[in-house]
Amino acid sequence: MWSNVETTFNANSTGPHRKGSDLEKKWENLTSTQRGIYQDHQRMLTLTGSPPFNSKCTIITEAVMNVIGKEGVDIMGIGPSSLDTSILQLTDMR
């Protein structure tokens, strides 16, 4: 799958070409970071009696969460081994 992403990315990029492994690592970092931001955002929405908060949930966070799914975001990191289903969800979209 990442070789297809590499080919498509490099065909549409005006910048330097990237290897599939570099793009995969970037995606992993992006999903990890944005998942945490989204979890914080959701937690702040459920608090009662607190003043309005400044959400860090940006258009990038929304876009990433739309790809990996918002429903199972809290599954990450539970139990002795963490379960990250984002790559499974991506392959299901193909």
N, C-alpha and C. Protein backbone atom coordinates (compact mmCIF):
# COMPACT_ATOMS: atom_id res chain seq x y z
N MET A 1 0.82 -1.18 0.00
CA MET A 1 0.00 0.00 0.00
C MET A 1 0.87 1.26 0.00
N TRP A 2 1.95 1.24 0.79
CA TRP A 2 2.78 2.44 0.88
C TRP A 2 3.55 2.72 -0.41
N SER A 3 3.80 1.71 -1.21
CA SER A 3 4.44 1.96 -2.51
C SER A 3 3.47 2.71 -3.42
N ASN A 4 2.17 2.39 -3.32
CA ASN A 4 1.16 3.13 -4.09
C ASN A 4 1.07 4.58 -3.61
N VAL A 5 1.13 4.76 -2.28
CA VAL A 5 1.11 6.11 -1.72
C VAL A 5 2.33 6.88 -2.20
N GLU A 6 3.49 6.24 -2.18
CA GLU A 6 4.73 6.87 -2.65
C GLU A 6 4.61 7.32 -4.10
N THR A 7 4.12 6.44 -4.95
CA THR A 7 3.98 6.75 -6.37
C THR A 7 3.03 7.93 -6.58
N THR A 8 1.88 7.89 -5.93
CA THR A 8 0.90 8.96 -6.07
C THR A 8 1.42 10.27 -5.51
N PHE A 9 2.03 10.21 -4.33
CA PHE A 9 2.57 11.42 -3.70
C PHE A 9 3.62 12.08 -4.59
N ASN A 10 4.56 11.29 -5.05
CA ASN A 10 5.65 11.84 -5.86
C ASN A 10 5.17 12.34 -7.22
N ALA A 11 4.12 11.72 -7.76
CA ALA A 11 3.58 12.19 -9.04
C ALA A 11 2.89 13.54 -8.90
N ASN A 12 2.37 13.82 -7.71
CA ASN A 12 1.62 15.06 -7.48
C ASN A 12 2.39 16.11 -6.70
N SER A 13 3.62 15.81 -6.33
CA SER A 13 4.41 16.71 -5.51
C SER A 13 5.34 17.56 -6.36
N THR A 14 5.44 18.84 -6.02
CA THR A 14 6.40 19.71 -6.69
C THR A 14 7.69 19.80 -5.88
N GLY A 15 7.67 19.24 -4.68
CA GLY A 15 8.84 19.26 -3.81
C GLY A 15 9.68 18.01 -4.01
N PRO A 16 10.59 17.77 -3.07
CA PRO A 16 11.44 16.58 -3.18
C PRO A 16 10.63 15.29 -3.09
N HIS A 17 11.10 14.27 -3.76
CA HIS A 17 10.43 12.97 -3.73
C HIS A 17 10.67 12.30 -2.38
N ARG A 18 9.67 11.57 -1.93
CA ARG A 18 9.73 10.89 -0.64
C ARG A 18 9.60 9.38 -0.85
N LYS A 19 10.27 8.62 0.02
CA LYS A 19 10.13 7.17 0.00
C LYS A 19 8.86 6.79 0.75
N GLY A 20 8.30 5.64 0.40
CA GLY A 20 7.10 5.15 1.07
C GLY A 20 7.30 5.00 2.56
N SER A 21 8.48 4.55 2.97
CA SER A 21 8.76 4.37 4.40
C SER A 21 8.75 5.71 5.13
N ASP A 22 9.23 6.77 4.47
CA ASP A 22 9.21 8.11 5.08
C ASP A 22 7.77 8.62 5.20
N LEU A 23 6.97 8.37 4.19
CA LEU A 23 5.57 8.80 4.22
C LEU A 23 4.79 8.03 5.30
N GLU A 24 5.10 6.75 5.43
CA GLU A 24 4.44 5.94 6.46
C GLU A 24 4.78 6.46 7.85
N LYS A 25 6.05 6.76 8.09
CA LYS A 25 6.48 7.28 9.39
C LYS A 25 5.80 8.62 9.67
N LYS A 26 5.71 9.48 8.66
CA LYS A 26 5.03 10.76 8.82
C LYS A 26 3.57 10.55 9.19
N TRP A 27 2.91 9.60 8.52
CA TRP A 27 1.51 9.32 8.81
C TRP A 27 1.35 8.80 10.24
N GLU A 28 2.23 7.91 10.67
CA GLU A 28 2.16 7.38 12.04
C GLU A 28 2.32 8.51 13.06
N ASN A 29 3.28 9.39 12.83
CA ASN A 29 3.49 10.53 13.73
C ASN A 29 2.28 11.46 13.73
N LEU A 30 1.75 11.73 12.55
CA LEU A 30 0.60 12.61 12.42
C LEU A 30 -0.63 12.05 13.12
N THR A 31 -0.92 10.77 12.91
CA THR A 31 -2.09 10.17 13.55
C THR A 31 -1.93 10.11 15.06
N SER A 32 -0.73 9.81 15.52
CA SER A 32 -0.48 9.74 16.96
C SER A 32 -0.70 11.11 17.61
N THR A 33 -0.13 12.13 17.02
CA THR A 33 -0.26 13.49 17.55
C THR A 33 -1.71 13.97 17.50
N GLN A 34 -2.35 13.81 16.36
CA GLN A 34 -3.72 14.31 16.19
C GLN A 34 -4.73 13.52 17.02
N ARG A 35 -4.48 12.23 17.22
CA ARG A 35 -5.36 11.42 18.06
C ARG A 35 -5.35 11.97 19.49
N GLY A 36 -4.16 12.31 19.99
CA GLY A 36 -4.04 12.88 21.33
C GLY A 36 -4.76 14.21 21.45
N ILE A 37 -4.61 15.06 20.46
CA ILE A 37 -5.29 16.36 20.45
C ILE A 37 -6.80 16.16 20.45
N TYR A 38 -7.27 15.22 19.63
CA TYR A 38 -8.71 14.96 19.56
C TYR A 38 -9.24 14.40 20.88
N GLN A 39 -8.48 13.50 21.51
CA GLN A 39 -8.89 12.95 22.80
C GLN A 39 -9.00 14.05 23.84
N ASP A 40 -8.03 14.96 23.88
CA ASP A 40 -8.09 16.09 24.82
C ASP A 40 -9.31 16.96 24.54
N HIS A 41 -9.57 17.21 23.26
CA HIS A 41 -10.72 18.01 22.86
C HIS A 41 -12.02 17.36 23.34
N GLN A 42 -12.16 16.07 23.10
CA GLN A 42 -13.37 15.35 23.51
C GLN A 42 -13.52 15.35 25.03
N ARG A 43 -12.43 15.18 25.75
CA ARG A 43 -12.48 15.18 27.21
C ARG A 43 -12.94 16.55 27.72
N MET A 44 -12.42 17.62 27.13
CA MET A 44 -12.81 18.97 27.55
C MET A 44 -14.29 19.25 27.27
N LEU A 45 -14.83 18.65 26.22
CA LEU A 45 -16.25 18.84 25.90
C LEU A 45 -17.15 18.21 26.94
N THR A 46 -16.68 17.16 27.63
CA THR A 46 -17.51 16.45 28.58
C THR A 46 -17.43 17.03 29.99
N LEU A 47 -16.49 17.91 30.25
CA LEU A 47 -16.38 18.51 31.57
C LEU A 47 -17.54 19.45 31.83
N THR A 48 -18.06 19.41 33.05
CA THR A 48 -19.15 20.31 33.40
C THR A 48 -18.63 21.38 34.35
N GLY A 49 -19.23 22.53 34.30
CA GLY A 49 -18.89 23.61 35.20
C GLY A 49 -17.58 24.32 34.87
N SER A 50 -16.99 24.00 33.75
CA SER A 50 -15.74 24.67 33.40
C SER A 50 -16.04 25.79 32.39
N PRO A 51 -15.21 26.83 32.42
CA PRO A 51 -15.42 27.91 31.45
C PRO A 51 -15.12 27.42 30.04
N PRO A 52 -15.53 28.18 29.04
CA PRO A 52 -15.22 27.78 27.66
C PRO A 52 -13.70 27.59 27.50
N PHE A 53 -13.32 26.66 26.68
CA PHE A 53 -11.91 26.36 26.49
C PHE A 53 -11.52 26.64 25.05
N ASN A 54 -10.23 26.87 24.86
CA ASN A 54 -9.70 27.07 23.52
C ASN A 54 -9.33 25.72 22.95
N SER A 55 -10.08 25.26 22.00
CA SER A 55 -9.83 23.96 21.41
C SER A 55 -8.60 23.99 20.53
N LYS A 56 -7.79 22.93 20.62
CA LYS A 56 -6.64 22.78 19.74
C LYS A 56 -7.01 21.91 18.53
N CYS A 57 -8.28 21.62 18.40
CA CYS A 57 -8.77 20.78 17.32
C CYS A 57 -8.83 21.62 16.05
N THR A 58 -7.88 21.39 15.15
CA THR A 58 -7.77 22.18 13.93
C THR A 58 -8.37 21.43 12.74
N ILE A 59 -8.31 22.04 11.60
CA ILE A 59 -8.78 21.39 10.37
C ILE A 59 -7.94 20.14 10.07
N ILE A 60 -6.66 20.17 10.44
CA ILE A 60 -5.81 18.99 10.24
C ILE A 60 -6.26 17.87 11.16
N THR A 61 -6.56 18.19 12.42
CA THR A 61 -7.05 17.18 13.35
C THR A 61 -8.34 16.57 12.83
N GLU A 62 -9.26 17.41 12.38
CA GLU A 62 -10.53 16.91 11.85
C GLU A 62 -10.31 16.02 10.63
N ALA A 63 -9.41 16.42 9.74
CA ALA A 63 -9.15 15.63 8.52
C ALA A 63 -8.56 14.26 8.88
N VAL A 64 -7.60 14.24 9.78
CA VAL A 64 -6.98 12.96 10.19
C VAL A 64 -8.01 12.08 10.88
N MET A 65 -8.80 12.66 11.76
CA MET A 65 -9.80 11.87 12.49
C MET A 65 -10.89 11.36 11.56
N ASN A 66 -11.19 12.09 10.50
CA ASN A 66 -12.17 11.60 9.53
C ASN A 66 -11.63 10.39 8.78
N VAL A 67 -10.32 10.32 8.60
CA VAL A 67 -9.72 9.16 7.92
C VAL A 67 -9.64 7.97 8.85
N ILE A 68 -9.13 8.16 10.07
CA ILE A 68 -8.91 7.01 10.96
C ILE A 68 -10.15 6.65 11.76
N GLY A 69 -11.12 7.55 11.83
CA GLY A 69 -12.36 7.27 12.53
C GLY A 69 -12.38 7.87 13.92
N LYS A 70 -13.49 8.48 14.26
CA LYS A 70 -13.63 9.13 15.56
C LYS A 70 -14.21 8.21 16.63
N GLU A 71 -14.88 7.16 16.21
CA GLU A 71 -15.60 6.31 17.16
C GLU A 71 -14.67 5.54 18.09
N GLY A 72 -13.60 4.98 17.54
CA GLY A 72 -12.73 4.12 18.35
C GLY A 72 -11.47 4.79 18.83
N VAL A 73 -11.45 6.11 18.89
CA VAL A 73 -10.23 6.82 19.22
C VAL A 73 -9.75 6.51 20.63
N ASP A 74 -10.65 6.20 21.55
CA ASP A 74 -10.24 5.96 22.92
C ASP A 74 -9.71 4.55 23.15
N ILE A 75 -9.72 3.70 22.15
CA ILE A 75 -9.21 2.34 22.29
C ILE A 75 -7.69 2.32 22.37
N MET A 76 -7.05 3.29 21.76
CA MET A 76 -5.59 3.33 21.71
C MET A 76 -4.99 3.35 23.11
N GLY A 77 -4.12 2.41 23.38
CA GLY A 77 -3.37 2.41 24.63
C GLY A 77 -4.05 1.71 25.79
N ILE A 78 -5.18 1.09 25.61
CA ILE A 78 -5.85 0.40 26.71
C ILE A 78 -5.30 -1.01 26.83
N GLY A 79 -5.09 -1.44 28.04
CA GLY A 79 -4.64 -2.81 28.30
C GLY A 79 -3.15 -2.98 28.15
N PRO A 80 -2.68 -4.23 28.31
CA PRO A 80 -1.25 -4.50 28.26
C PRO A 80 -0.64 -4.23 26.89
N SER A 81 -1.41 -4.39 25.84
CA SER A 81 -0.91 -4.06 24.51
C SER A 81 -1.90 -3.11 23.86
N SER A 82 -1.39 -2.11 23.18
CA SER A 82 -2.29 -1.12 22.58
C SER A 82 -2.81 -1.63 21.25
N LEU A 83 -3.98 -1.17 20.90
CA LEU A 83 -4.62 -1.57 19.65
C LEU A 83 -4.80 -0.33 18.80
N ASP A 84 -4.13 -0.29 17.68
CA ASP A 84 -4.26 0.83 16.75
C ASP A 84 -4.83 0.29 15.45
N THR A 85 -6.08 0.64 15.18
CA THR A 85 -6.76 0.10 14.01
C THR A 85 -6.75 1.05 12.83
N SER A 86 -5.97 2.13 12.91
CA SER A 86 -6.02 3.13 11.83
C SER A 86 -5.56 2.55 10.50
N ILE A 87 -4.53 1.71 10.48
CA ILE A 87 -4.06 1.14 9.21
C ILE A 87 -5.09 0.17 8.64
N LEU A 88 -5.80 -0.54 9.52
CA LEU A 88 -6.85 -1.44 9.05
C LEU A 88 -7.99 -0.65 8.42
N GLN A 89 -8.31 0.49 9.02
CA GLN A 89 -9.38 1.31 8.47
C GLN A 89 -8.97 1.89 7.12
N LEU A 90 -7.71 2.23 6.96
CA LEU A 90 -7.24 2.75 5.68
C LEU A 90 -7.31 1.68 4.59
N THR A 91 -6.93 0.46 4.93
CA THR A 91 -6.94 -0.60 3.92
C THR A 91 -8.38 -0.98 3.55
N ASP A 92 -9.31 -0.81 4.50
CA ASP A 92 -10.72 -1.09 4.20
C ASP A 92 -11.29 -0.08 3.24
N MET A 93 -10.71 1.12 3.18
CA MET A 93 -11.21 2.16 2.30
C MET A 93 -10.84 1.92 0.85
N ARG A 94 -9.82 1.09 0.58
CA ARG A 94 -9.36 0.85 -0.78
C ARG A 94 -10.32 0.02 -1.56
